Amino acid sequence: MTDTDSAPSKTSALAAWWGRFSIRHKLIAQFVMFYAFSMFVTVLQYVLLTFLPGLFYRFTDWCSIPAQIGHISLGPVDTYVFDYPVTGDETGGMGYFAAFAVTLFIAQCVNFPMQRNITFKSHGNVWYQILWYVIAFVLITVVCSFLMGLYVPLLRSLVPPAVYNILITVVNGGVQMVIYFPIYKIIFPEGEADRSR
């Protein structure tokens, strides 16, 4: 037997094992797939955040416009829901906020079909699911952005921009993964579409 003969059998054996495992431990299998796709989307976001802020900084003056939206003052907490002050480089202002927003939009356009069709194997009404996905996305983004307003200034002062982008992506992605999984279980039920919706 050659290496090329054994490769398909190893792949099919792994696929068969995964099929059995996902039947016996459906919730764990869903979380593993959810996590894998979330990591893929996190890497995609990191790649986009590596060059998009620089493009906004180079080709627009948006990084010189502060983007501090939704001021919140609760006791010792005095921050903004979206806190992107002018920093004098590509990591601040409306330019970074726009890069962050574009990155999130692209990531969700990739994430939605993977989670819906592969992780949760949902055949529900796609338009209904898109509506709830967008609502959940907006609410979770606002909550995560508020939390970022607490730790981003510290990270910005401690690390260089390349490391800053990695940390922001990983921390924000990690917080979102914890919140999104149970929400996706509700938005993406298994089975056929509910015709009443």
N, C-alpha and C. Protein backbone atom coordinates (compact mmCIF):
# COMPACT_ATOMS: atom_id res chain seq x y z
N MET A 1 0.84 -1.19 0.00
CA MET A 1 0.00 0.00 0.00
C MET A 1 0.88 1.25 0.00
N THR A 2 0.54 2.21 -0.84
CA THR A 2 1.32 3.45 -0.92
C THR A 2 0.71 4.48 0.00
N ASP A 3 1.45 5.59 0.18
CA ASP A 3 0.95 6.68 1.02
C ASP A 3 -0.34 7.27 0.46
N THR A 4 -0.43 7.31 -0.87
CA THR A 4 -1.63 7.88 -1.48
C THR A 4 -2.84 6.98 -1.26
N ASP A 5 -2.60 5.64 -1.14
CA ASP A 5 -3.71 4.74 -0.85
C ASP A 5 -4.20 4.88 0.59
N SER A 6 -3.27 5.13 1.52
CA SER A 6 -3.65 5.20 2.93
C SER A 6 -4.27 6.53 3.31
N ALA A 7 -3.95 7.61 2.57
CA ALA A 7 -4.48 8.93 2.93
C ALA A 7 -6.00 8.98 2.89
N PRO A 8 -6.67 8.50 1.82
CA PRO A 8 -8.14 8.54 1.81
C PRO A 8 -8.75 7.70 2.92
N SER A 9 -8.13 6.52 3.24
CA SER A 9 -8.71 5.68 4.28
C SER A 9 -8.58 6.35 5.65
N LYS A 10 -7.46 7.06 5.89
CA LYS A 10 -7.32 7.79 7.16
C LYS A 10 -8.35 8.90 7.25
N THR A 11 -8.55 9.60 6.13
CA THR A 11 -9.53 10.68 6.10
C THR A 11 -10.93 10.13 6.33
N SER A 12 -11.27 9.03 5.66
CA SER A 12 -12.61 8.48 5.81
C SER A 12 -12.80 7.88 7.21
N ALA A 13 -11.73 7.34 7.80
CA ALA A 13 -11.82 6.81 9.17
C ALA A 13 -12.07 7.95 10.15
N LEU A 14 -11.38 9.06 9.95
CA LEU A 14 -11.58 10.23 10.80
C LEU A 14 -12.99 10.79 10.64
N ALA A 15 -13.46 10.84 9.40
CA ALA A 15 -14.82 11.34 9.13
C ALA A 15 -15.85 10.42 9.77
N ALA A 16 -15.62 9.11 9.70
CA ALA A 16 -16.55 8.15 10.31
C ALA A 16 -16.56 8.31 11.83
N TRP A 17 -15.37 8.46 12.41
CA TRP A 17 -15.29 8.65 13.86
C TRP A 17 -16.02 9.93 14.27
N TRP A 18 -15.78 11.02 13.52
CA TRP A 18 -16.43 12.29 13.83
C TRP A 18 -17.95 12.17 13.70
N GLY A 19 -18.40 11.44 12.68
CA GLY A 19 -19.84 11.24 12.50
C GLY A 19 -20.46 10.53 13.70
N ARG A 20 -19.79 9.48 14.18
CA ARG A 20 -20.28 8.75 15.36
C ARG A 20 -20.25 9.64 16.60
N PHE A 21 -19.14 10.36 16.77
CA PHE A 21 -18.99 11.23 17.93
C PHE A 21 -20.07 12.31 17.94
N SER A 22 -20.32 12.93 16.79
CA SER A 22 -21.28 14.03 16.73
C SER A 22 -22.72 13.56 16.96
N ILE A 23 -22.99 12.28 16.69
CA ILE A 23 -24.32 11.74 16.99
C ILE A 23 -24.45 11.51 18.49
N ARG A 24 -23.42 10.93 19.09
CA ARG A 24 -23.46 10.62 20.53
C ARG A 24 -23.34 11.86 21.42
N HIS A 25 -22.55 12.81 20.97
CA HIS A 25 -22.26 14.01 21.78
C HIS A 25 -22.54 15.26 20.95
N LYS A 26 -23.80 15.44 20.60
CA LYS A 26 -24.17 16.50 19.66
C LYS A 26 -23.78 17.89 20.15
N LEU A 27 -24.04 18.21 21.40
CA LEU A 27 -23.73 19.54 21.91
C LEU A 27 -22.23 19.82 21.89
N ILE A 28 -21.44 18.84 22.30
CA ILE A 28 -19.98 19.00 22.27
C ILE A 28 -19.50 19.17 20.83
N ALA A 29 -20.00 18.35 19.93
CA ALA A 29 -19.61 18.44 18.52
C ALA A 29 -19.98 19.80 17.94
N GLN A 30 -21.16 20.30 18.29
CA GLN A 30 -21.57 21.62 17.81
C GLN A 30 -20.63 22.69 18.35
N PHE A 31 -20.27 22.59 19.63
CA PHE A 31 -19.38 23.59 20.19
C PHE A 31 -18.00 23.53 19.53
N VAL A 32 -17.49 22.33 19.24
CA VAL A 32 -16.19 22.19 18.58
C VAL A 32 -16.25 22.85 17.20
N MET A 33 -17.31 22.58 16.43
CA MET A 33 -17.44 23.20 15.11
C MET A 33 -17.60 24.71 15.23
N PHE A 34 -18.43 25.14 16.17
CA PHE A 34 -18.63 26.57 16.42
C PHE A 34 -17.29 27.24 16.75
N TYR A 35 -16.51 26.60 17.62
CA TYR A 35 -15.22 27.14 18.02
C TYR A 35 -14.25 27.21 16.84
N ALA A 36 -14.22 26.14 16.04
CA ALA A 36 -13.32 26.11 14.89
C ALA A 36 -13.67 27.22 13.89
N PHE A 37 -14.95 27.38 13.59
CA PHE A 37 -15.35 28.43 12.66
C PHE A 37 -15.12 29.82 13.27
N SER A 38 -15.34 29.94 14.57
CA SER A 38 -15.09 31.22 15.24
C SER A 38 -13.61 31.58 15.18
N MET A 39 -12.74 30.58 15.34
CA MET A 39 -11.30 30.84 15.24
C MET A 39 -10.93 31.27 13.82
N PHE A 40 -11.53 30.62 12.82
CA PHE A 40 -11.29 31.00 11.44
C PHE A 40 -11.70 32.45 11.21
N VAL A 41 -12.87 32.82 11.72
CA VAL A 41 -13.37 34.19 11.56
C VAL A 41 -12.49 35.17 12.34
N THR A 42 -11.99 34.75 13.50
CA THR A 42 -11.09 35.60 14.28
C THR A 42 -9.80 35.87 13.51
N VAL A 43 -9.26 34.85 12.86
CA VAL A 43 -8.05 35.04 12.04
C VAL A 43 -8.36 35.97 10.88
N LEU A 44 -9.52 35.79 10.25
CA LEU A 44 -9.93 36.68 9.16
C LEU A 44 -10.01 38.12 9.65
N GLN A 45 -10.61 38.32 10.83
CA GLN A 45 -10.70 39.67 11.39
C GLN A 45 -9.32 40.25 11.66
N TYR A 46 -8.43 39.43 12.18
CA TYR A 46 -7.07 39.92 12.46
C TYR A 46 -6.39 40.36 11.16
N VAL A 47 -6.51 39.54 10.12
CA VAL A 47 -5.89 39.88 8.83
C VAL A 47 -6.45 41.21 8.32
N LEU A 48 -7.77 41.35 8.39
CA LEU A 48 -8.39 42.59 7.91
C LEU A 48 -7.97 43.79 8.75
N LEU A 49 -7.90 43.60 10.08
CA LEU A 49 -7.50 44.71 10.94
C LEU A 49 -6.02 45.02 10.86
N THR A 50 -5.27 44.14 10.21
CA THR A 50 -3.84 44.40 10.03
C THR A 50 -3.61 45.46 8.96
N PHE A 51 -4.45 45.44 7.88
CA PHE A 51 -4.19 46.40 6.80
C PHE A 51 -5.28 47.45 6.60
N LEU A 52 -6.53 47.17 7.00
CA LEU A 52 -7.60 48.15 6.77
C LEU A 52 -7.38 49.49 7.49
N PRO A 53 -7.01 49.49 8.78
CA PRO A 53 -6.78 50.80 9.42
C PRO A 53 -5.72 51.63 8.70
N GLY A 54 -4.66 50.97 8.22
CA GLY A 54 -3.62 51.67 7.48
C GLY A 54 -4.14 52.29 6.20
N LEU A 55 -5.07 51.58 5.52
CA LEU A 55 -5.66 52.13 4.29
C LEU A 55 -6.50 53.37 4.61
N PHE A 56 -7.30 53.29 5.67
CA PHE A 56 -8.09 54.46 6.06
C PHE A 56 -7.17 55.62 6.45
N TYR A 57 -6.10 55.31 7.15
CA TYR A 57 -5.16 56.34 7.59
C TYR A 57 -4.46 56.99 6.41
N ARG A 58 -4.09 56.18 5.42
CA ARG A 58 -3.35 56.69 4.27
C ARG A 58 -4.23 57.45 3.29
N PHE A 59 -5.44 56.96 3.04
CA PHE A 59 -6.25 57.52 1.95
C PHE A 59 -7.40 58.42 2.40
N THR A 60 -7.61 58.55 3.71
CA THR A 60 -8.65 59.47 4.20
C THR A 60 -8.08 60.26 5.37
N ASP A 61 -8.86 61.22 5.83
CA ASP A 61 -8.46 61.94 7.05
C ASP A 61 -9.32 61.49 8.24
N TRP A 62 -9.97 60.34 8.10
CA TRP A 62 -10.89 59.85 9.12
C TRP A 62 -10.21 59.58 10.46
N CYS A 63 -8.95 59.21 10.45
CA CYS A 63 -8.26 58.92 11.72
C CYS A 63 -8.04 60.18 12.55
N SER A 64 -8.28 61.34 11.94
CA SER A 64 -8.15 62.59 12.69
C SER A 64 -9.50 63.09 13.20
N ILE A 65 -10.55 62.28 12.99
CA ILE A 65 -11.90 62.62 13.47
C ILE A 65 -12.23 61.67 14.64
N PRO A 66 -12.47 62.21 15.84
CA PRO A 66 -12.78 61.30 16.96
C PRO A 66 -14.08 60.55 16.74
N ALA A 67 -14.10 59.29 17.15
CA ALA A 67 -15.31 58.47 17.08
C ALA A 67 -15.60 57.96 18.48
N GLN A 68 -16.16 58.83 19.28
CA GLN A 68 -16.51 58.48 20.66
C GLN A 68 -18.02 58.63 20.78
N ILE A 69 -18.69 57.47 20.76
CA ILE A 69 -20.15 57.44 20.64
C ILE A 69 -20.74 56.73 21.86
N GLY A 70 -21.79 57.27 22.42
CA GLY A 70 -22.49 56.63 23.53
C GLY A 70 -21.78 56.77 24.87
N HIS A 71 -21.66 57.98 25.36
CA HIS A 71 -20.96 58.22 26.63
C HIS A 71 -21.71 57.58 27.79
N ILE A 72 -20.97 56.85 28.64
CA ILE A 72 -21.55 56.19 29.81
C ILE A 72 -20.71 56.57 31.02
N SER A 73 -21.39 57.03 32.07
CA SER A 73 -20.71 57.38 33.31
C SER A 73 -21.47 56.70 34.46
N LEU A 74 -20.87 55.62 34.98
CA LEU A 74 -21.47 54.87 36.08
C LEU A 74 -20.43 54.71 37.19
N GLY A 75 -20.50 55.55 38.19
CA GLY A 75 -19.53 55.47 39.28
C GLY A 75 -18.12 55.67 38.76
N PRO A 76 -17.23 54.70 38.99
CA PRO A 76 -15.84 54.84 38.53
C PRO A 76 -15.69 54.65 37.02
N VAL A 77 -16.73 54.09 36.37
CA VAL A 77 -16.67 53.85 34.93
C VAL A 77 -17.10 55.10 34.19
N ASP A 78 -16.20 55.65 33.39
CA ASP A 78 -16.49 56.82 32.57
C ASP A 78 -15.91 56.55 31.20
N THR A 79 -16.75 56.04 30.29
CA THR A 79 -16.26 55.61 28.98
C THR A 79 -17.34 55.81 27.93
N TYR A 80 -17.05 55.36 26.73
CA TYR A 80 -17.98 55.40 25.61
C TYR A 80 -18.26 53.98 25.15
N VAL A 81 -19.45 53.75 24.59
CA VAL A 81 -19.76 52.45 24.01
C VAL A 81 -18.79 52.18 22.86
N PHE A 82 -18.59 53.17 22.00
CA PHE A 82 -17.59 53.09 20.94
C PHE A 82 -16.57 54.19 21.24
N ASP A 83 -15.38 53.79 21.64
CA ASP A 83 -14.38 54.76 22.10
C ASP A 83 -13.13 54.71 21.23
N TYR A 84 -13.12 55.54 20.20
CA TYR A 84 -11.98 55.61 19.29
C TYR A 84 -11.52 57.06 19.18
N PRO A 85 -10.79 57.55 20.20
CA PRO A 85 -10.28 58.92 20.13
C PRO A 85 -9.17 59.02 19.09
N VAL A 86 -8.85 60.24 18.72
CA VAL A 86 -7.74 60.47 17.79
C VAL A 86 -6.44 60.13 18.51
N THR A 87 -5.62 59.28 17.88
CA THR A 87 -4.36 58.86 18.50
C THR A 87 -3.14 59.36 17.73
N GLY A 88 -3.37 59.95 16.56
CA GLY A 88 -2.25 60.42 15.75
C GLY A 88 -1.69 59.34 14.85
N ASP A 89 -2.26 58.14 14.92
CA ASP A 89 -1.84 57.07 14.03
C ASP A 89 -3.08 56.30 13.55
N GLU A 90 -2.88 55.11 13.01
CA GLU A 90 -3.99 54.35 12.42
C GLU A 90 -4.86 53.63 13.44
N THR A 91 -4.52 53.68 14.73
CA THR A 91 -5.29 52.95 15.73
C THR A 91 -6.38 53.78 16.40
N GLY A 92 -6.73 54.91 15.83
CA GLY A 92 -7.75 55.73 16.46
C GLY A 92 -8.64 56.45 15.49
N GLY A 93 -9.62 57.13 16.05
CA GLY A 93 -10.52 57.95 15.27
C GLY A 93 -11.51 57.17 14.43
N MET A 94 -12.21 57.91 13.61
CA MET A 94 -13.23 57.34 12.74
C MET A 94 -12.64 56.32 11.77
N GLY A 95 -11.37 56.50 11.40
CA GLY A 95 -10.72 55.54 10.49
C GLY A 95 -10.64 54.16 11.08
N TYR A 96 -10.19 54.07 12.35
CA TYR A 96 -10.11 52.75 12.99
C TYR A 96 -11.50 52.19 13.24
N PHE A 97 -12.44 53.06 13.64
CA PHE A 97 -13.82 52.61 13.85
C PHE A 97 -14.41 52.05 12.56
N ALA A 98 -14.18 52.74 11.44
CA ALA A 98 -14.68 52.26 10.15
C ALA A 98 -14.04 50.93 9.77
N ALA A 99 -12.72 50.80 9.99
CA ALA A 99 -12.03 49.54 9.70
C ALA A 99 -12.59 48.42 10.57
N PHE A 100 -12.84 48.72 11.84
CA PHE A 100 -13.41 47.74 12.76
C PHE A 100 -14.80 47.32 12.31
N ALA A 101 -15.64 48.30 11.89
CA ALA A 101 -17.01 48.01 11.45
C ALA A 101 -17.01 47.18 10.17
N VAL A 102 -16.16 47.53 9.21
CA VAL A 102 -16.07 46.76 7.96
C VAL A 102 -15.61 45.34 8.25
N THR A 103 -14.63 45.21 9.13
CA THR A 103 -14.12 43.89 9.51
C THR A 103 -15.22 43.04 10.14
N LEU A 104 -15.98 43.63 11.05
CA LEU A 104 -17.07 42.88 11.68
C LEU A 104 -18.12 42.45 10.67
N PHE A 105 -18.47 43.35 9.76
CA PHE A 105 -19.49 43.03 8.75
C PHE A 105 -19.03 41.86 7.88
N ILE A 106 -17.81 41.92 7.37
CA ILE A 106 -17.29 40.85 6.52
C ILE A 106 -17.23 39.53 7.29
N ALA A 107 -16.77 39.60 8.53
CA ALA A 107 -16.68 38.40 9.36
C ALA A 107 -18.04 37.75 9.56
N GLN A 108 -19.08 38.56 9.77
CA GLN A 108 -20.40 37.99 9.98
C GLN A 108 -21.00 37.42 8.70
N CYS A 109 -20.65 38.01 7.56
CA CYS A 109 -21.10 37.47 6.27
C CYS A 109 -20.49 36.09 6.01
N VAL A 110 -19.32 35.85 6.55
CA VAL A 110 -18.68 34.53 6.43
C VAL A 110 -19.21 33.60 7.51
N ASN A 111 -19.36 34.10 8.72
CA ASN A 111 -19.74 33.29 9.87
C ASN A 111 -21.16 32.75 9.78
N PHE A 112 -22.10 33.59 9.36
CA PHE A 112 -23.52 33.19 9.34
C PHE A 112 -23.75 31.89 8.58
N PRO A 113 -23.35 31.79 7.30
CA PRO A 113 -23.65 30.54 6.59
C PRO A 113 -22.90 29.33 7.15
N MET A 114 -21.68 29.51 7.65
CA MET A 114 -20.94 28.37 8.20
C MET A 114 -21.64 27.85 9.46
N GLN A 115 -22.01 28.76 10.35
CA GLN A 115 -22.66 28.32 11.60
C GLN A 115 -24.04 27.74 11.32
N ARG A 116 -24.80 28.40 10.48
CA ARG A 116 -26.16 27.95 10.19
C ARG A 116 -26.18 26.60 9.49
N ASN A 117 -25.38 26.48 8.42
CA ASN A 117 -25.48 25.30 7.57
C ASN A 117 -24.63 24.12 8.02
N ILE A 118 -23.48 24.40 8.64
CA ILE A 118 -22.56 23.31 8.98
C ILE A 118 -22.62 22.97 10.47
N THR A 119 -22.46 23.96 11.32
CA THR A 119 -22.43 23.69 12.76
C THR A 119 -23.78 23.22 13.27
N PHE A 120 -24.83 23.99 13.00
CA PHE A 120 -26.14 23.69 13.57
C PHE A 120 -27.09 23.00 12.59
N LYS A 121 -26.68 22.87 11.32
CA LYS A 121 -27.47 22.18 10.30
C LYS A 121 -28.94 22.61 10.35
N SER A 122 -29.12 23.93 10.38
CA SER A 122 -30.46 24.48 10.50
C SER A 122 -31.07 24.69 9.12
N HIS A 123 -32.35 24.35 9.02
CA HIS A 123 -33.09 24.57 7.78
C HIS A 123 -34.28 25.49 8.03
N GLY A 124 -34.15 26.31 9.09
CA GLY A 124 -35.22 27.24 9.42
C GLY A 124 -35.34 28.34 8.37
N ASN A 125 -36.32 29.17 8.54
CA ASN A 125 -36.57 30.29 7.64
C ASN A 125 -35.35 31.21 7.66
N VAL A 126 -34.63 31.29 6.55
CA VAL A 126 -33.36 32.02 6.51
C VAL A 126 -33.54 33.51 6.79
N TRP A 127 -34.64 34.11 6.31
CA TRP A 127 -34.85 35.55 6.51
C TRP A 127 -35.14 35.86 7.97
N TYR A 128 -35.91 34.98 8.60
CA TYR A 128 -36.18 35.12 10.04
C TYR A 128 -34.88 34.99 10.82
N GLN A 129 -34.04 34.03 10.43
CA GLN A 129 -32.77 33.82 11.11
C GLN A 129 -31.81 34.99 10.88
N ILE A 130 -31.79 35.53 9.68
CA ILE A 130 -30.95 36.70 9.41
C ILE A 130 -31.39 37.87 10.29
N LEU A 131 -32.71 38.08 10.40
CA LEU A 131 -33.23 39.17 11.24
C LEU A 131 -32.73 39.02 12.67
N TRP A 132 -32.90 37.85 13.27
CA TRP A 132 -32.48 37.64 14.66
C TRP A 132 -30.96 37.65 14.79
N TYR A 133 -30.27 37.17 13.77
CA TYR A 133 -28.81 37.20 13.79
C TYR A 133 -28.32 38.65 13.82
N VAL A 134 -28.92 39.50 13.01
CA VAL A 134 -28.53 40.92 12.97
C VAL A 134 -28.84 41.59 14.30
N ILE A 135 -30.02 41.31 14.87
CA ILE A 135 -30.37 41.89 16.16
C ILE A 135 -29.37 41.46 17.23
N ALA A 136 -29.08 40.16 17.27
CA ALA A 136 -28.11 39.64 18.25
C ALA A 136 -26.73 40.25 18.02
N PHE A 137 -26.33 40.33 16.75
CA PHE A 137 -25.03 40.88 16.39
C PHE A 137 -24.90 42.33 16.88
N VAL A 138 -25.93 43.14 16.64
CA VAL A 138 -25.87 44.55 17.04
C VAL A 138 -25.80 44.67 18.56
N LEU A 139 -26.67 43.94 19.27
CA LEU A 139 -26.67 44.02 20.73
C LEU A 139 -25.35 43.53 21.33
N ILE A 140 -24.85 42.41 20.84
CA ILE A 140 -23.60 41.86 21.37
C ILE A 140 -22.43 42.78 21.02
N THR A 141 -22.44 43.36 19.83
CA THR A 141 -21.38 44.29 19.44
C THR A 141 -21.36 45.52 20.35
N VAL A 142 -22.55 46.03 20.70
CA VAL A 142 -22.62 47.19 21.59
C VAL A 142 -22.06 46.82 22.97
N VAL A 143 -22.46 45.65 23.49
CA VAL A 143 -21.96 45.22 24.81
C VAL A 143 -20.45 45.03 24.77
N CYS A 144 -19.96 44.34 23.74
CA CYS A 144 -18.52 44.10 23.63
C CYS A 144 -17.75 45.41 23.42
N SER A 145 -18.33 46.33 22.68
CA SER A 145 -17.67 47.61 22.47
C SER A 145 -17.57 48.40 23.77
N PHE A 146 -18.63 48.31 24.60
CA PHE A 146 -18.58 48.95 25.91
C PHE A 146 -17.44 48.34 26.74
N LEU A 147 -17.35 47.01 26.73
CA LEU A 147 -16.27 46.34 27.47
C LEU A 147 -14.90 46.74 26.92
N MET A 148 -14.82 46.88 25.58
CA MET A 148 -13.55 47.31 24.97
C MET A 148 -13.16 48.70 25.45
N GLY A 149 -14.16 49.55 25.68
CA GLY A 149 -13.88 50.89 26.18
C GLY A 149 -13.17 50.87 27.53
N LEU A 150 -13.30 49.75 28.25
CA LEU A 150 -12.65 49.62 29.54
C LEU A 150 -11.20 49.15 29.43
N TYR A 151 -10.93 48.20 28.49
CA TYR A 151 -9.57 47.65 28.43
C TYR A 151 -8.72 48.14 27.25
N VAL A 152 -9.33 48.70 26.22
CA VAL A 152 -8.55 49.16 25.06
C VAL A 152 -7.57 50.28 25.41
N PRO A 153 -7.97 51.30 26.17
CA PRO A 153 -6.99 52.36 26.48
C PRO A 153 -5.74 51.81 27.18
N LEU A 154 -5.93 50.84 28.04
CA LEU A 154 -4.79 50.23 28.72
C LEU A 154 -3.89 49.50 27.73
N LEU A 155 -4.49 48.69 26.85
CA LEU A 155 -3.70 47.94 25.86
C LEU A 155 -2.98 48.89 24.91
N ARG A 156 -3.67 49.95 24.50
CA ARG A 156 -3.08 50.91 23.56
C ARG A 156 -1.83 51.56 24.15
N SER A 157 -1.84 51.78 25.46
CA SER A 157 -0.69 52.43 26.09
C SER A 157 0.45 51.46 26.40
N LEU A 158 0.16 50.16 26.41
CA LEU A 158 1.17 49.19 26.82
C LEU A 158 1.87 48.46 25.68
N VAL A 159 1.20 48.30 24.54
CA VAL A 159 1.76 47.45 23.49
C VAL A 159 1.78 48.17 22.14
N PRO A 160 2.66 47.73 21.22
CA PRO A 160 2.70 48.33 19.87
C PRO A 160 1.46 47.95 19.06
N PRO A 161 1.17 48.68 17.97
CA PRO A 161 -0.06 48.45 17.20
C PRO A 161 -0.27 47.01 16.71
N ALA A 162 0.77 46.32 16.26
CA ALA A 162 0.59 44.95 15.76
C ALA A 162 0.12 44.02 16.88
N VAL A 163 0.70 44.14 18.05
CA VAL A 163 0.30 43.32 19.20
C VAL A 163 -1.07 43.76 19.69
N TYR A 164 -1.31 45.05 19.66
CA TYR A 164 -2.59 45.63 20.06
C TYR A 164 -3.72 45.01 19.23
N ASN A 165 -3.53 44.93 17.91
CA ASN A 165 -4.56 44.34 17.05
C ASN A 165 -4.81 42.88 17.40
N ILE A 166 -3.76 42.13 17.68
CA ILE A 166 -3.93 40.72 18.05
C ILE A 166 -4.73 40.61 19.35
N LEU A 167 -4.32 41.38 20.36
CA LEU A 167 -5.00 41.31 21.65
C LEU A 167 -6.47 41.72 21.56
N ILE A 168 -6.73 42.80 20.84
CA ILE A 168 -8.12 43.26 20.69
C ILE A 168 -8.95 42.19 20.01
N THR A 169 -8.42 41.59 18.94
CA THR A 169 -9.14 40.56 18.20
C THR A 169 -9.40 39.34 19.06
N VAL A 170 -8.37 38.87 19.78
CA VAL A 170 -8.51 37.66 20.59
C VAL A 170 -9.46 37.88 21.77
N VAL A 171 -9.28 38.97 22.49
CA VAL A 171 -10.13 39.23 23.66
C VAL A 171 -11.57 39.45 23.22
N ASN A 172 -11.77 40.29 22.23
CA ASN A 172 -13.12 40.57 21.75
C ASN A 172 -13.76 39.31 21.18
N GLY A 173 -12.99 38.54 20.41
CA GLY A 173 -13.51 37.29 19.85
C GLY A 173 -13.86 36.29 20.93
N GLY A 174 -13.03 36.20 21.96
CA GLY A 174 -13.29 35.27 23.05
C GLY A 174 -14.56 35.61 23.81
N VAL A 175 -14.74 36.89 24.11
CA VAL A 175 -15.96 37.33 24.80
C VAL A 175 -17.18 37.03 23.94
N GLN A 176 -17.08 37.31 22.64
CA GLN A 176 -18.22 37.08 21.76
C GLN A 176 -18.55 35.60 21.63
N MET A 177 -17.52 34.74 21.60
CA MET A 177 -17.79 33.30 21.48
C MET A 177 -18.62 32.80 22.66
N VAL A 178 -18.29 33.24 23.85
CA VAL A 178 -19.02 32.81 25.05
C VAL A 178 -20.48 33.25 24.98
N ILE A 179 -20.72 34.43 24.43
CA ILE A 179 -22.08 34.95 24.35
C ILE A 179 -22.83 34.33 23.18
N TYR A 180 -22.16 34.17 22.04
CA TYR A 180 -22.85 33.76 20.81
C TYR A 180 -23.35 32.32 20.82
N PHE A 181 -22.61 31.38 21.40
CA PHE A 181 -23.01 29.97 21.27
C PHE A 181 -24.44 29.70 21.73
N PRO A 182 -24.83 30.11 22.94
CA PRO A 182 -26.23 29.85 23.33
C PRO A 182 -27.24 30.62 22.48
N ILE A 183 -26.85 31.81 22.01
CA ILE A 183 -27.74 32.58 21.14
C ILE A 183 -27.94 31.84 19.81
N TYR A 184 -26.87 31.29 19.25
CA TYR A 184 -26.98 30.53 17.99
C TYR A 184 -27.84 29.29 18.15
N LYS A 185 -27.78 28.67 19.32
CA LYS A 185 -28.64 27.49 19.56
C LYS A 185 -30.11 27.86 19.43
N ILE A 186 -30.44 29.10 19.78
CA ILE A 186 -31.83 29.56 19.67
C ILE A 186 -32.14 30.00 18.24
N ILE A 187 -31.23 30.77 17.63
CA ILE A 187 -31.48 31.31 16.29
C ILE A 187 -31.47 30.22 15.22
N PHE A 188 -30.64 29.20 15.40
CA PHE A 188 -30.48 28.16 14.38
C PHE A 188 -31.01 26.82 14.86
N PRO A 189 -32.34 26.68 15.05
CA PRO A 189 -32.86 25.37 15.46
C PRO A 189 -32.71 24.36 14.31
N GLU A 190 -32.55 23.12 14.69
CA GLU A 190 -32.46 22.08 13.66
C GLU A 190 -33.86 21.79 13.15
N GLY A 191 -33.93 21.22 11.95
CA GLY A 191 -35.22 20.84 11.37
C GLY A 191 -35.60 21.74 10.23
N GLU A 192 -36.78 21.51 9.72
CA GLU A 192 -37.25 22.22 8.56
C GLU A 192 -37.77 23.61 8.95
N ALA A 193 -37.92 24.46 7.95
CA ALA A 193 -38.39 25.82 8.19
C ALA A 193 -39.79 25.83 8.76
N ASP A 194 -40.02 26.72 9.70
CA ASP A 194 -41.36 26.94 10.25
C ASP A 194 -42.10 27.84 9.29
N ARG A 195 -43.12 27.28 8.63
CA ARG A 195 -43.85 28.02 7.58
C ARG A 195 -44.72 29.13 8.15
N SER A 196 -44.95 29.12 9.47
CA SER A 196 -45.81 30.15 10.05
C SER A 196 -45.09 31.48 10.19
N ARG A 197 -43.75 31.47 10.02
CA ARG A 197 -42.98 32.70 10.18
C ARG A 197 -42.75 33.36 8.86
